[in-house]
Amino acid sequence: MDTNQNTKPFGLKDKIVYAASGTDQQVVVPERLTMVAVLYGVLAASFYLGCYGLTTERVHGKREKKSGENLFVALKQMVSCKPLLVIIVIALVLLIGSLLTGTMTAYLYKDYFNNTQILSVVSFAQILPMLLIAPVASKLASKFGKKEVCSIGVLAACIIFGILWVLKVKSPYMFMLMNFISSMGLGIFNMLIWAFIGDVIDFQELRNGQRNDGTVYAIV
């Protein structure tokens, strides 16, 4: 890993992680990376707890607890629910893939393409597919079916990623264009995956006679 940086740190995180090396370059201090990660984790947990503690529930609905309703029983039923397990695995794979792609992008354009000047364009190109798909995703799902639309989108993305892997594209612009097209396919899948959760909840209710919307969403 190249720990030298020619540009000056511009954010608070960068000011902590980087240190002057006596020259014009900034050097990463590895020990500070762990400190920053722990700090961000503590802040995130504090903000989540703050949101929970400072939220006031002003509308209280009357809810009668049904006989036999138990959290552990519901969890046991969900563990045996294959559709829910598939959704969880897919969500984890998407999360890991997104984190890996975001982490490797900078190294890809710096070390492989030797072109860091288009990183800002690349970052925008990664967000643009979601913005373009958001208005039409539900319409496509209504017309063709969410299963069909998601399957075609993921299949197209896999084909394009396979082409990129086989051809070893050398042009950063061609890579960015093909990655943009594949992101359209994955984007529509990311948009519609939450619609499948409703089907999972309906399946659970049909199988067990109980509807556990909150528990399913919490798990996913």
Protein backbone atom coordinates (compact mmCIF):
# COMPACT_ATOMS: atom_id res chain seq x y z
CA MET A 1 0.00 0.00 0.00
CA ASP A 2 1.29 3.40 -0.97
CA THR A 3 1.14 5.52 2.18
CA ASN A 4 2.29 8.72 0.48
CA GLN A 5 -0.08 11.37 -0.73
CA ASN A 6 0.89 14.42 -2.75
CA THR A 7 -2.23 16.42 -1.95
CA LYS A 8 -2.93 17.99 1.42
CA PRO A 9 -5.54 16.36 3.68
CA PHE A 10 -8.82 18.23 3.43
CA GLY A 11 -11.09 16.54 5.98
CA LEU A 12 -10.94 16.03 9.73
CA LYS A 13 -10.40 12.29 9.23
CA ASP A 14 -7.53 12.98 6.81
CA LYS A 15 -5.92 15.43 9.22
CA ILE A 16 -5.87 12.69 11.86
CA VAL A 17 -4.75 9.81 9.62
CA TYR A 18 -2.07 11.66 7.67
CA ALA A 19 1.08 13.24 9.09
CA ALA A 20 3.78 15.40 7.55
CA SER A 21 6.92 13.52 6.52
CA GLY A 22 9.26 16.50 6.37
CA THR A 23 8.62 16.91 2.64
CA ASP A 24 5.63 18.02 0.61
CA GLN A 25 4.10 14.53 0.90
CA GLN A 26 1.67 13.35 3.54
CA VAL A 27 2.26 9.93 5.11
CA VAL A 28 -0.42 7.62 6.52
CA VAL A 29 0.08 6.70 10.17
CA PRO A 30 -1.26 3.11 10.40
CA GLU A 31 -1.87 3.27 14.15
CA ARG A 32 -4.26 6.17 13.67
CA LEU A 33 -6.46 4.20 11.26
CA THR A 34 -7.62 1.93 14.09
CA MET A 35 -8.24 4.95 16.29
CA VAL A 36 -10.38 6.60 13.61
CA ALA A 37 -12.34 3.35 13.01
CA VAL A 38 -13.09 2.99 16.74
CA LEU A 39 -14.05 6.66 16.95
CA TYR A 40 -16.46 6.36 14.04
CA GLY A 41 -17.97 3.21 15.57
CA VAL A 42 -18.54 4.93 18.92
CA LEU A 43 -20.07 7.96 17.21
CA ALA A 44 -22.37 5.78 15.09
CA ALA A 45 -23.57 3.82 18.14
CA SER A 46 -24.08 7.07 20.08
CA PHE A 47 -26.16 8.59 17.30
CA TYR A 48 -28.31 5.45 17.00
CA LEU A 49 -28.90 5.42 20.77
CA GLY A 50 -29.62 9.15 20.65
CA CYS A 51 -32.23 8.66 17.92
CA TYR A 52 -33.86 5.93 19.98
CA GLY A 53 -33.75 7.79 23.29
CA LEU A 54 -34.84 11.19 21.95
CA THR A 55 -37.75 9.90 19.87
CA THR A 56 -41.15 10.47 21.46
CA GLU A 57 -44.02 8.23 20.46
CA ARG A 58 -47.08 10.48 20.55
CA VAL A 59 -49.63 8.09 19.06
CA HIS A 60 -50.31 4.94 21.05
CA GLY A 61 -52.48 2.36 19.38
CA LYS A 62 -54.32 -0.27 21.32
CA ARG A 63 -52.87 -3.66 20.60
CA GLU A 64 -54.08 -6.88 22.09
CA LYS A 65 -51.40 -9.51 22.47
CA LYS A 66 -52.46 -12.75 20.87
CA SER A 67 -52.07 -16.00 22.70
CA GLY A 68 -48.95 -17.92 21.79
CA GLU A 69 -47.17 -14.81 20.51
CA ASN A 70 -43.50 -15.10 21.42
CA LEU A 71 -40.36 -13.51 19.99
CA PHE A 72 -38.23 -16.64 20.28
CA VAL A 73 -40.91 -18.72 18.60
CA ALA A 74 -41.07 -16.21 15.77
CA LEU A 75 -37.28 -16.27 15.37
CA LYS A 76 -37.28 -20.06 15.31
CA GLN A 77 -39.92 -20.02 12.59
CA MET A 78 -37.90 -17.52 10.54
CA VAL A 79 -34.73 -19.60 10.72
CA SER A 80 -36.60 -22.36 8.91
CA CYS A 81 -38.01 -19.95 6.32
CA LYS A 82 -36.01 -20.49 3.13
CA PRO A 83 -37.22 -17.32 1.33
CA LEU A 84 -36.11 -15.19 4.27
CA LEU A 85 -32.71 -16.91 4.45
CA VAL A 86 -32.20 -16.27 0.73
CA ILE A 87 -33.07 -12.57 1.16
CA ILE A 88 -30.59 -12.30 4.06
CA VAL A 89 -27.80 -13.94 2.05
CA ILE A 90 -28.50 -11.67 -0.92
CA ALA A 91 -28.48 -8.57 1.30
CA LEU A 92 -25.12 -9.61 2.80
CA VAL A 93 -23.60 -10.30 -0.62
CA LEU A 94 -24.80 -6.93 -1.93
CA LEU A 95 -23.39 -5.15 1.12
CA ILE A 96 -20.00 -6.89 0.85
CA GLY A 97 -19.89 -6.27 -2.90
CA SER A 98 -20.70 -2.58 -2.49
CA LEU A 99 -18.05 -2.12 0.21
CA LEU A 100 -15.45 -4.01 -1.83
CA THR A 101 -16.21 -2.04 -4.99
CA GLY A 102 -16.01 1.28 -3.18
CA THR A 103 -12.73 0.32 -1.52
CA MET A 104 -11.05 -1.00 -4.66
CA THR A 105 -12.14 1.81 -7.02
CA ALA A 106 -9.41 4.21 -5.92
CA TYR A 107 -6.69 1.56 -6.26
CA LEU A 108 -8.07 0.38 -9.60
CA TYR A 109 -7.84 3.78 -11.27
CA LYS A 110 -4.60 4.70 -9.53
CA ASP A 111 -2.56 1.51 -9.95
CA TYR A 112 -4.15 -0.25 -12.93
CA PHE A 113 -5.36 2.57 -15.17
CA ASN A 114 -2.85 5.13 -13.85
CA ASN A 115 -5.51 7.80 -14.08
CA THR A 116 -6.80 9.43 -10.90
CA GLN A 117 -8.11 12.55 -12.60
CA ILE A 118 -11.44 10.92 -13.45
CA LEU A 119 -12.16 9.59 -9.96
CA SER A 120 -14.70 12.34 -9.35
CA VAL A 121 -16.50 11.39 -12.56
CA VAL A 122 -16.34 7.71 -11.58
CA SER A 123 -17.89 8.48 -8.19
CA PHE A 124 -20.75 10.33 -9.86
CA ALA A 125 -21.18 7.53 -12.43
CA GLN A 126 -21.64 5.04 -9.57
CA ILE A 127 -24.49 7.09 -8.09
CA LEU A 128 -26.18 8.09 -11.36
CA PRO A 129 -27.69 4.64 -12.18
CA MET A 130 -29.71 4.63 -8.95
CA LEU A 131 -30.99 8.14 -9.68
CA LEU A 132 -32.04 7.14 -13.18
CA ILE A 133 -33.69 3.88 -12.13
CA ALA A 134 -35.59 5.17 -9.07
CA PRO A 135 -38.47 6.81 -11.04
CA VAL A 136 -39.07 3.80 -13.33
CA ALA A 137 -38.29 0.76 -11.15
CA SER A 138 -41.81 0.37 -9.78
CA LYS A 139 -43.35 0.88 -13.24
CA LEU A 140 -41.15 -1.82 -14.76
CA ALA A 141 -41.99 -4.18 -11.91
CA SER A 142 -45.72 -3.55 -12.36
CA LYS A 143 -45.56 -4.15 -16.10
CA PHE A 144 -43.19 -7.11 -16.34
CA GLY A 145 -43.06 -8.45 -12.78
CA LYS A 146 -40.42 -7.79 -10.14
CA LYS A 147 -38.94 -11.29 -10.37
CA GLU A 148 -38.45 -11.01 -14.12
CA VAL A 149 -37.03 -7.47 -13.99
CA CYS A 150 -34.59 -8.33 -11.19
CA SER A 151 -33.47 -11.51 -12.91
CA ILE A 152 -32.77 -9.71 -16.19
CA GLY A 153 -30.94 -6.90 -14.40
CA VAL A 154 -28.68 -9.22 -12.41
CA LEU A 155 -28.04 -11.45 -15.44
CA ALA A 156 -27.04 -8.45 -17.56
CA ALA A 157 -24.72 -7.20 -14.81
CA CYS A 158 -23.08 -10.64 -14.49
CA ILE A 159 -22.51 -10.82 -18.25
CA ILE A 160 -20.89 -7.38 -18.34
CA PHE A 161 -18.69 -8.12 -15.33
CA GLY A 162 -17.66 -11.38 -17.00
CA ILE A 163 -16.74 -9.49 -20.18
CA LEU A 164 -14.66 -7.03 -18.18
CA TRP A 165 -12.84 -9.88 -16.46
CA VAL A 166 -12.12 -11.75 -19.71
CA LEU A 167 -11.13 -8.78 -21.89
CA LYS A 168 -8.96 -7.04 -19.26
CA VAL A 169 -10.08 -3.62 -20.45
CA LYS A 170 -7.22 -1.10 -20.51
CA SER A 171 -9.23 2.05 -21.15
CA PRO A 172 -10.57 3.65 -17.96
CA TYR A 173 -13.37 5.32 -19.90
CA MET A 174 -14.54 2.04 -21.45
CA PHE A 175 -14.36 0.37 -18.04
CA MET A 176 -16.37 3.20 -16.50
CA LEU A 177 -19.00 2.97 -19.26
CA MET A 178 -19.42 -0.80 -18.94
CA ASN A 179 -19.46 -0.54 -15.16
CA PHE A 180 -22.16 2.13 -15.48
CA ILE A 181 -24.32 -0.19 -17.59
CA SER A 182 -23.85 -3.09 -15.16
CA SER A 183 -24.72 -0.78 -12.27
CA MET A 184 -28.07 -0.15 -13.96
CA GLY A 185 -28.85 -3.85 -13.69
CA LEU A 186 -27.72 -4.12 -10.10
CA GLY A 187 -29.42 -0.83 -9.26
CA ILE A 188 -32.86 -2.03 -10.24
CA PHE A 189 -32.27 -5.17 -8.19
CA ASN A 190 -31.26 -3.07 -5.18
CA MET A 191 -34.41 -1.01 -5.62
CA LEU A 192 -36.81 -3.93 -5.86
CA ILE A 193 -35.27 -6.34 -3.36
CA TRP A 194 -37.31 -4.75 -0.59
CA ALA A 195 -40.50 -5.62 -2.46
CA PHE A 196 -39.62 -9.29 -2.01
CA ILE A 197 -39.61 -8.84 1.77
CA GLY A 198 -43.35 -8.22 1.64
CA ASP A 199 -43.74 -11.56 -0.11
CA VAL A 200 -41.61 -13.21 2.57
CA ILE A 201 -43.83 -11.74 5.29
CA ASP A 202 -46.95 -12.98 3.49
CA PHE A 203 -45.37 -16.43 3.18
CA GLN A 204 -44.62 -16.46 6.91
CA GLU A 205 -48.18 -15.48 7.74
CA LEU A 206 -49.58 -18.14 5.41
CA ARG A 207 -47.34 -20.83 6.89
CA ASN A 208 -47.48 -19.96 10.61
CA GLY A 209 -50.63 -17.87 10.95
CA GLN A 210 -48.69 -14.92 12.41
CA ARG A 211 -47.61 -11.72 10.71
CA ASN A 212 -44.26 -10.46 12.00
CA ASP A 213 -43.50 -7.44 9.83
CA GLY A 214 -41.27 -5.65 12.33
CA THR A 215 -39.24 -8.74 13.21
CA VAL A 216 -38.58 -9.62 9.56
CA TYR A 217 -37.50 -6.09 8.67
CA ALA A 218 -35.29 -5.95 11.77
CA ILE A 219 -33.52 -9.17 10.77
CA VAL A 220 -32.96 -8.07 7.18
